[in-house]
Structure formats: structure tokens, C-alpha cells
Amino acid sequence: MNIQFLEPAQAEFTDAVNYYNAQNEGLGFEFSDEIQAAIVRIIEYPEAWSLISKRTRRCRTKRFPYGIIYQVRDNNLLIIAVIHLHREPQSWKKRIPKRQQ
């Protein structure tokens, strides 16, 4: 399966890694590992996670208050957001057309 991050999702991921590393050296890399593990779980079981709209799902991380908002399109995993779940959890909807949500 091919993995594609929307630009805002990539920026969120990078910003979170930098934030956690600034809080405690190495913590950002642990966050990165957690996101990578969640992506592996999504690839293995793409339909196992909660539907948050007709085509969109959310996989929560185990250790951090983040979720990966994604869609599977053919053989592609589209990561729409890497989002802090306590801050504007619906903001991802602005990133894709309503008919594709």
C-alpha cells in the first residue's frame, strides 16, 4: 500500500515531533515511532478503526493524545491529518471536498 500525507498532515506531524523534542529530548522521536506504529496497524487492518464520516476513519495512538485521520483509496493510504484530539478535532474536514469525506 502506498502512503501519502496531505501537506497539512505532514506539517502537523513535523510540528508535533519538534514540540515533543523541545519538551523532553527524544520524546519527539518516541512520538514519531508511535505514529509509524499506528500507520502499520492501519495498513494491516484498514477497516478496523472508527468511521468518522462515510469514507474517513480515525486511528488513535496508544501513548499520545493524537489520532491519524485517513482514507483508503484503491491501494493508497491517504493521511488527511495527524491531529491532537483535544484541539479542534473536526478541522480535517476543510482539507478534502465534502463529497470525498
Protein backbone atom coordinates (compact mmCIF):
# COMPACT_ATOMS: atom_id res chain seq x y z
CA MET A 1 0.00 0.00 0.00
CA ASN A 2 1.30 3.45 -0.91
CA ILE A 3 1.25 6.09 1.83
CA GLN A 4 0.54 9.73 1.03
CA PHE A 5 0.36 12.58 3.55
CA LEU A 6 -1.58 15.71 2.70
CA GLU A 7 0.70 18.72 3.21
CA PRO A 8 -1.11 19.91 6.36
CA ALA A 9 -0.88 16.41 7.85
CA GLN A 10 2.86 16.28 7.19
CA ALA A 11 3.25 19.72 8.80
CA GLU A 12 1.23 18.62 11.85
CA PHE A 13 3.39 15.53 12.22
CA THR A 14 6.65 17.50 11.94
CA ASP A 15 5.41 20.21 14.32
CA ALA A 16 4.39 17.63 16.92
CA VAL A 17 7.77 15.85 16.70
CA ASN A 18 9.54 19.19 17.20
CA TYR A 19 7.22 20.17 20.06
CA TYR A 20 7.76 16.92 21.95
CA ASN A 21 11.53 17.04 21.40
CA ALA A 22 11.55 20.58 22.81
CA GLN A 23 9.66 19.35 25.89
CA ASN A 24 11.98 16.42 26.54
CA GLU A 25 14.89 15.37 24.35
CA GLY A 26 13.98 12.21 22.47
CA LEU A 27 10.26 12.39 23.22
CA GLY A 28 9.54 13.62 19.70
CA PHE A 29 11.25 10.57 18.28
CA GLU A 30 9.10 8.38 20.53
CA PHE A 31 6.05 10.22 19.16
CA SER A 32 7.29 9.58 15.62
CA ASP A 33 7.68 5.87 16.41
CA GLU A 34 4.13 5.81 17.79
CA ILE A 35 2.75 7.40 14.61
CA GLN A 36 4.68 4.91 12.48
CA ALA A 37 3.30 2.02 14.55
CA ALA A 38 -0.24 3.36 14.09
CA ILE A 39 0.32 3.56 10.32
CA VAL A 40 1.46 -0.07 10.31
CA ARG A 41 -1.72 -1.04 12.20
CA ILE A 42 -3.82 0.89 9.67
CA ILE A 43 -2.12 -0.88 6.75
CA GLU A 44 -2.65 -4.28 8.37
CA TYR A 45 -6.29 -3.62 9.33
CA PRO A 46 -7.52 -0.60 7.32
CA GLU A 47 -11.18 -1.07 8.25
CA ALA A 48 -10.65 -1.75 11.95
CA TRP A 49 -10.75 1.89 13.05
CA SER A 50 -13.71 4.12 13.77
CA LEU A 51 -15.57 5.71 10.88
CA ILE A 52 -15.88 9.44 11.40
CA SER A 53 -17.60 10.04 8.06
CA LYS A 54 -18.69 7.91 5.12
CA ARG A 55 -15.13 7.26 3.81
CA THR A 56 -12.90 8.58 6.56
CA ARG A 57 -11.56 6.79 9.63
CA ARG A 58 -9.59 7.73 12.73
CA CYS A 59 -6.91 5.63 14.38
CA ARG A 60 -5.88 6.82 17.83
CA THR A 61 -2.34 6.49 19.04
CA LYS A 62 -1.80 4.45 22.18
CA ARG A 63 0.50 6.76 24.12
CA PHE A 64 -0.12 10.30 22.86
CA PRO A 65 -3.40 12.25 22.54
CA TYR A 66 -3.24 12.14 18.74
CA GLY A 67 -5.21 10.49 16.01
CA ILE A 68 -4.49 9.75 12.38
CA ILE A 69 -7.36 10.75 10.11
CA TYR A 70 -7.18 8.71 6.91
CA GLN A 71 -8.88 7.22 3.89
CA VAL A 72 -8.00 4.14 1.88
CA ARG A 73 -8.39 4.75 -1.85
CA ASP A 74 -7.64 1.74 -4.03
CA ASN A 75 -4.13 0.73 -2.90
CA ASN A 76 -3.33 4.12 -1.35
CA LEU A 77 -3.42 5.24 2.26
CA LEU A 78 -4.21 8.97 2.32
CA ILE A 79 -3.30 10.59 5.63
CA ILE A 80 -5.51 13.64 5.95
CA ALA A 81 -4.45 14.73 9.43
CA VAL A 82 -2.19 13.88 12.35
CA ILE A 83 -4.31 15.68 14.86
CA HIS A 84 -4.25 16.42 18.57
CA LEU A 85 -7.57 15.03 19.74
CA HIS A 86 -8.19 17.76 22.31
CA ARG A 87 -7.87 20.61 19.79
CA GLU A 88 -10.40 21.19 17.01
CA PRO A 89 -10.81 17.52 16.08
CA GLN A 90 -13.09 18.41 13.14
CA SER A 91 -10.59 20.75 11.42
CA TRP A 92 -9.59 17.99 8.97
CA LYS A 93 -12.91 18.39 7.14
CA LYS A 94 -11.66 21.56 5.45
CA ARG A 95 -8.88 19.59 3.73
CA ILE A 96 -10.93 17.45 1.38
CA PRO A 97 -14.12 18.11 -0.61
CA LYS A 98 -17.32 17.22 1.22
CA ARG A 99 -18.23 14.55 -1.37
CA GLN A 100 -14.93 12.76 -0.59
CA GLN A 101 -15.39 12.75 3.17
